[in-house]
Amino acid sequence: MKINIIRTIIMILLLGTFYMIFGFSSQNGEESGNLSGKIAKFVIEQLPIKKTEETRKRIEGIIRKIAHFSIYALVGFLLMSFVSTYDLKENKRIGISLLIGILYATTDEIHQKFVPGRSCQITDVMIDSSGVLLGILLLLTLFEIHKKIKIKINRQNVAKSFN
């Protein structure tokens, strides 16, 4: 029963993230540019750099790539979290999570091709896929830390029982 609740929560978070990505990808070029442009403007104002149009465009491009990478890191984390609720070997969990993340990134880029002012870029799929991999690796790292903490607590409990 408890595992089904956890799966449901993770799935809701994952579907919400997919919905958010779809929403961003559905924005036309102007809408999308306005959003990243506002963030770029704020960043430029904070930095002691020459404020030129070229600088703004570069920073805006970097912000877009960071956004892609970050949201897909969340996708990887949530996918791996969901798949980890099933009794599968770790390699299978990683493979399934990575495959689904890459497939979604690919379909998201294809979707953008049909949105006015947007394009389909293989580099974005690669950035998104790297984000998915990072999210998976982050969760695996947390699992390892958790396991080490449990082992340490168990050793302490065993030591206490001998005192």
C-alpha atoms as a PDB file:
ATOM      1  CA  MET A   1       0.000   0.000   0.000  1.00  0.00           C
ATOM      2  CA  LYS A   2       2.724   2.485   1.024  1.00  0.00           C
ATOM      3  CA  ILE A   3       4.728   1.848  -2.162  1.00  0.00           C
ATOM      4  CA  ASN A   4       1.670   2.622  -4.318  1.00  0.00           C
ATOM      5  CA  ILE A   5       1.301   5.995  -2.609  1.00  0.00           C
ATOM      6  CA  ILE A   6       4.980   6.758  -3.233  1.00  0.00           C
ATOM      7  CA  ARG A   7       4.664   5.692  -6.881  1.00  0.00           C
ATOM      8  CA  THR A   8       1.572   7.858  -7.313  1.00  0.00           C
ATOM      9  CA  ILE A   9       3.258  10.921  -5.824  1.00  0.00           C
ATOM     10  CA  ILE A  10       6.368  10.486  -7.978  1.00  0.00           C
ATOM     11  CA  MET A  11       4.240   9.926 -11.093  1.00  0.00           C
ATOM     12  CA  ILE A  12       2.229  13.096 -10.406  1.00  0.00           C
ATOM     13  CA  LEU A  13       5.469  15.071 -10.003  1.00  0.00           C
ATOM     14  CA  LEU A  14       6.882  13.525 -13.186  1.00  0.00           C
ATOM     15  CA  LEU A  15       3.751  14.196 -15.236  1.00  0.00           C
ATOM     16  CA  GLY A  16       3.667  17.756 -13.869  1.00  0.00           C
ATOM     17  CA  THR A  17       7.268  18.233 -14.987  1.00  0.00           C
ATOM     18  CA  PHE A  18       6.462  16.821 -18.437  1.00  0.00           C
ATOM     19  CA  TYR A  19       3.467  19.171 -18.634  1.00  0.00           C
ATOM     20  CA  MET A  20       5.655  22.140 -17.694  1.00  0.00           C
ATOM     21  CA  ILE A  21       8.251  21.197 -20.335  1.00  0.00           C
ATOM     22  CA  PHE A  22       5.496  20.826 -22.929  1.00  0.00           C
ATOM     23  CA  GLY A  23       4.172  24.261 -21.971  1.00  0.00           C
ATOM     24  CA  PHE A  24       7.583  25.892 -22.379  1.00  0.00           C
ATOM     25  CA  SER A  25       8.082  24.121 -25.708  1.00  0.00           C
ATOM     26  CA  SER A  26       4.669  25.287 -26.918  1.00  0.00           C
ATOM     27  CA  GLN A  27       5.655  28.933 -26.533  1.00  0.00           C
ATOM     28  CA  ASN A  28       6.400  30.565 -29.852  1.00  0.00           C
ATOM     29  CA  GLY A  29       9.848  32.002 -30.464  1.00  0.00           C
ATOM     30  CA  GLU A  30       8.890  35.477 -29.259  1.00  0.00           C
ATOM     31  CA  GLU A  31       7.276  34.272 -26.008  1.00  0.00           C
ATOM     32  CA  SER A  32      10.175  31.963 -25.271  1.00  0.00           C
ATOM     33  CA  GLY A  33      12.683  34.690 -26.079  1.00  0.00           C
ATOM     34  CA  ASN A  34      10.915  37.177 -23.826  1.00  0.00           C
ATOM     35  CA  LEU A  35      11.140  34.817 -20.848  1.00  0.00           C
ATOM     36  CA  SER A  36      14.814  33.989 -21.248  1.00  0.00           C
ATOM     37  CA  GLY A  37      15.487  37.614 -22.245  1.00  0.00           C
ATOM     38  CA  LYS A  38      14.117  38.896 -18.926  1.00  0.00           C
ATOM     39  CA  ILE A  39      16.325  36.485 -17.011  1.00  0.00           C
ATOM     40  CA  ALA A  40      19.355  37.411 -19.146  1.00  0.00           C
ATOM     41  CA  LYS A  41      18.707  41.104 -18.532  1.00  0.00           C
ATOM     42  CA  PHE A  42      18.591  40.525 -14.776  1.00  0.00           C
ATOM     43  CA  VAL A  43      21.833  38.503 -14.865  1.00  0.00           C
ATOM     44  CA  ILE A  44      23.623  41.130 -16.974  1.00  0.00           C
ATOM     45  CA  GLU A  45      22.571  43.864 -14.550  1.00  0.00           C
ATOM     46  CA  GLN A  46      24.228  41.910 -11.713  1.00  0.00           C
ATOM     47  CA  LEU A  47      27.528  41.388 -13.524  1.00  0.00           C
ATOM     48  CA  PRO A  48      30.318  43.932 -13.965  1.00  0.00           C
ATOM     49  CA  ILE A  49      30.506  43.411 -17.725  1.00  0.00           C
ATOM     50  CA  LYS A  50      30.019  45.478 -20.852  1.00  0.00           C
ATOM     51  CA  LYS A  51      26.300  45.482 -21.589  1.00  0.00           C
ATOM     52  CA  THR A  52      26.013  44.892 -25.323  1.00  0.00           C
ATOM     53  CA  GLU A  53      23.434  43.123 -27.473  1.00  0.00           C
ATOM     54  CA  GLU A  54      25.992  40.393 -28.191  1.00  0.00           C
ATOM     55  CA  THR A  55      26.539  39.856 -24.456  1.00  0.00           C
ATOM     56  CA  ARG A  56      22.796  39.672 -23.870  1.00  0.00           C
ATOM     57  CA  LYS A  57      22.376  37.081 -26.633  1.00  0.00           C
ATOM     58  CA  ARG A  58      25.233  34.960 -25.304  1.00  0.00           C
ATOM     59  CA  ILE A  59      23.936  35.028 -21.755  1.00  0.00           C
ATOM     60  CA  GLU A  60      20.411  34.328 -22.972  1.00  0.00           C
ATOM     61  CA  GLY A  61      21.716  31.274 -24.853  1.00  0.00           C
ATOM     62  CA  ILE A  62      23.553  30.045 -21.771  1.00  0.00           C
ATOM     63  CA  ILE A  63      20.433  30.528 -19.651  1.00  0.00           C
ATOM     64  CA  ARG A  64      18.375  28.507 -22.151  1.00  0.00           C
ATOM     65  CA  LYS A  65      20.890  25.645 -22.051  1.00  0.00           C
ATOM     66  CA  ILE A  66      21.039  25.706 -18.234  1.00  0.00           C
ATOM     67  CA  ALA A  67      17.238  25.627 -18.146  1.00  0.00           C
ATOM     68  CA  HIS A  68      17.159  22.624 -20.488  1.00  0.00           C
ATOM     69  CA  PHE A  69      19.797  20.799 -18.478  1.00  0.00           C
ATOM     70  CA  SER A  70      18.194  21.575 -15.103  1.00  0.00           C
ATOM     71  CA  ILE A  71      14.630  20.589 -15.917  1.00  0.00           C
ATOM     72  CA  TYR A  72      15.810  17.357 -17.493  1.00  0.00           C
ATOM     73  CA  ALA A  73      17.992  16.630 -14.443  1.00  0.00           C
ATOM     74  CA  LEU A  74      14.722  16.758 -12.508  1.00  0.00           C
ATOM     75  CA  VAL A  75      13.168  14.406 -15.087  1.00  0.00           C
ATOM     76  CA  GLY A  76      16.053  11.945 -14.634  1.00  0.00           C
ATOM     77  CA  PHE A  77      15.781  12.146 -10.844  1.00  0.00           C
ATOM     78  CA  LEU A  78      12.025  11.529 -10.908  1.00  0.00           C
ATOM     79  CA  LEU A  79      12.221   8.763 -13.519  1.00  0.00           C
ATOM     80  CA  MET A  80      14.896   6.946 -11.537  1.00  0.00           C
ATOM     81  CA  SER A  81      12.900   7.477  -8.335  1.00  0.00           C
ATOM     82  CA  PHE A  82       9.826   5.942  -9.943  1.00  0.00           C
ATOM     83  CA  VAL A  83      11.625   2.998 -11.548  1.00  0.00           C
ATOM     84  CA  SER A  84      13.460   2.346  -8.265  1.00  0.00           C
ATOM     85  CA  THR A  85      10.157   1.502  -6.602  1.00  0.00           C
ATOM     86  CA  TYR A  86      10.174  -1.718  -8.627  1.00  0.00           C
ATOM     87  CA  ASP A  87      12.307  -4.770  -7.931  1.00  0.00           C
ATOM     88  CA  LEU A  88      14.711  -4.454 -10.862  1.00  0.00           C
ATOM     89  CA  LYS A  89      18.471  -4.672 -11.137  1.00  0.00           C
ATOM     90  CA  GLU A  90      20.193  -1.316 -10.917  1.00  0.00           C
ATOM     91  CA  ASN A  91      21.449  -1.446 -14.522  1.00  0.00           C
ATOM     92  CA  LYS A  92      17.894  -2.011 -15.740  1.00  0.00           C
ATOM     93  CA  ARG A  93      16.584   0.888 -13.645  1.00  0.00           C
ATOM     94  CA  ILE A  94      19.254   3.179 -15.025  1.00  0.00           C
ATOM     95  CA  GLY A  95      18.641   2.020 -18.603  1.00  0.00           C
ATOM     96  CA  ILE A  96      14.869   2.403 -18.414  1.00  0.00           C
ATOM     97  CA  SER A  97      15.122   5.859 -16.829  1.00  0.00           C
ATOM     98  CA  LEU A  98      17.703   7.033 -19.351  1.00  0.00           C
ATOM     99  CA  LEU A  99      15.746   5.656 -22.306  1.00  0.00           C
ATOM    100  CA  ILE A 100      12.475   7.301 -21.272  1.00  0.00           C
ATOM    101  CA  GLY A 101      14.254  10.604 -20.567  1.00  0.00           C
ATOM    102  CA  ILE A 102      16.023  10.612 -23.933  1.00  0.00           C
ATOM    103  CA  LEU A 103      12.808   9.670 -25.750  1.00  0.00           C
ATOM    104  CA  TYR A 104      10.923  12.509 -24.085  1.00  0.00           C
ATOM    105  CA  ALA A 105      13.727  14.976 -24.865  1.00  0.00           C
ATOM    106  CA  THR A 106      13.666  13.859 -28.496  1.00  0.00           C
ATOM    107  CA  THR A 107       9.896  14.149 -28.853  1.00  0.00           C
ATOM    108  CA  ASP A 108      10.023  17.545 -27.123  1.00  0.00           C
ATOM    109  CA  GLU A 109      12.503  18.844 -29.705  1.00  0.00           C
ATOM    110  CA  ILE A 110      10.409  17.424 -32.560  1.00  0.00           C
ATOM    111  CA  HIS A 111       7.369  19.172 -31.048  1.00  0.00           C
ATOM    112  CA  GLN A 112       9.271  22.483 -31.085  1.00  0.00           C
ATOM    113  CA  LYS A 113       9.877  22.118 -34.816  1.00  0.00           C
ATOM    114  CA  PHE A 114       6.145  22.703 -35.347  1.00  0.00           C
ATOM    115  CA  VAL A 115       5.976  25.789 -33.102  1.00  0.00           C
ATOM    116  CA  PRO A 116       6.378  29.135 -34.920  1.00  0.00           C
ATOM    117  CA  GLY A 117       9.791  30.679 -34.319  1.00  0.00           C
ATOM    118  CA  ARG A 118      11.198  27.534 -32.692  1.00  0.00           C
ATOM    119  CA  SER A 119      13.502  24.853 -33.995  1.00  0.00           C
ATOM    120  CA  CYS A 120      14.503  21.246 -33.419  1.00  0.00           C
ATOM    121  CA  GLN A 121      18.133  21.012 -32.290  1.00  0.00           C
ATOM    122  CA  ILE A 122      20.101  17.838 -31.681  1.00  0.00           C
ATOM    123  CA  THR A 123      22.352  19.790 -29.300  1.00  0.00           C
ATOM    124  CA  ASP A 124      19.327  20.412 -27.070  1.00  0.00           C
ATOM    125  CA  VAL A 125      18.533  16.684 -27.055  1.00  0.00           C
ATOM    126  CA  MET A 126      22.131  16.042 -26.007  1.00  0.00           C
ATOM    127  CA  ILE A 127      21.957  18.687 -23.270  1.00  0.00           C
ATOM    128  CA  ASP A 128      18.593  17.338 -22.082  1.00  0.00           C
ATOM    129  CA  SER A 129      19.933  13.772 -22.082  1.00  0.00           C
ATOM    130  CA  SER A 130      22.962  14.874 -20.076  1.00  0.00           C
ATOM    131  CA  GLY A 131      20.581  16.440 -17.582  1.00  0.00           C
ATOM    132  CA  VAL A 132      18.628  13.176 -17.342  1.00  0.00           C
ATOM    133  CA  LEU A 133      21.874  11.313 -16.667  1.00  0.00           C
ATOM    134  CA  LEU A 134      22.875  13.796 -13.959  1.00  0.00           C
ATOM    135  CA  GLY A 135      19.476  13.412 -12.271  1.00  0.00           C
ATOM    136  CA  ILE A 136      19.892   9.631 -12.281  1.00  0.00           C
ATOM    137  CA  LEU A 137      23.417   9.903 -10.885  1.00  0.00           C
ATOM    138  CA  LEU A 138      22.256  12.301  -8.173  1.00  0.00           C
ATOM    139  CA  LEU A 139      19.632   9.839  -7.012  1.00  0.00           C
ATOM    140  CA  LEU A 140      22.131   6.962  -7.085  1.00  0.00           C
ATOM    141  CA  THR A 141      24.507   9.067  -4.989  1.00  0.00           C
ATOM    142  CA  LEU A 142      21.737   9.749  -2.471  1.00  0.00           C
ATOM    143  CA  PHE A 143      20.991   6.010  -2.338  1.00  0.00           C
ATOM    144  CA  GLU A 144      24.674   5.307  -1.598  1.00  0.00           C
ATOM    145  CA  ILE A 145      24.801   7.938   1.138  1.00  0.00           C
ATOM    146  CA  HIS A 146      21.611   6.529   2.647  1.00  0.00           C
ATOM    147  CA  LYS A 147      23.031   3.007   2.557  1.00  0.00           C
ATOM    148  CA  LYS A 148      26.269   4.109   4.278  1.00  0.00           C
ATOM    149  CA  ILE A 149      24.317   5.954   6.973  1.00  0.00           C
ATOM    150  CA  LYS A 150      22.174   2.845   7.606  1.00  0.00           C
ATOM    151  CA  ILE A 151      25.290   0.678   7.876  1.00  0.00           C
ATOM    152  CA  LYS A 152      26.865   3.126  10.317  1.00  0.00           C
ATOM    153  CA  ILE A 153      23.708   3.250  12.459  1.00  0.00           C
ATOM    154  CA  ASN A 154      23.475  -0.561  12.457  1.00  0.00           C
ATOM    155  CA  ARG A 155      27.125  -0.832  13.574  1.00  0.00           C
ATOM    156  CA  GLN A 156      26.480   1.667  16.356  1.00  0.00           C
ATOM    157  CA  ASN A 157      23.409  -0.294  17.473  1.00  0.00           C
ATOM    158  CA  VAL A 158      25.375  -3.564  17.475  1.00  0.00           C
ATOM    159  CA  ALA A 159      28.170  -1.921  19.472  1.00  0.00           C
ATOM    160  CA  LYS A 160      25.620  -0.556  21.987  1.00  0.00           C
ATOM    161  CA  SER A 161      24.072  -3.995  22.427  1.00  0.00           C
ATOM    162  CA  PHE A 162      27.450  -5.372  23.554  1.00  0.00           C
ATOM    163  CA  ASN A 163      27.855  -2.647  26.209  1.00  0.00           C
END
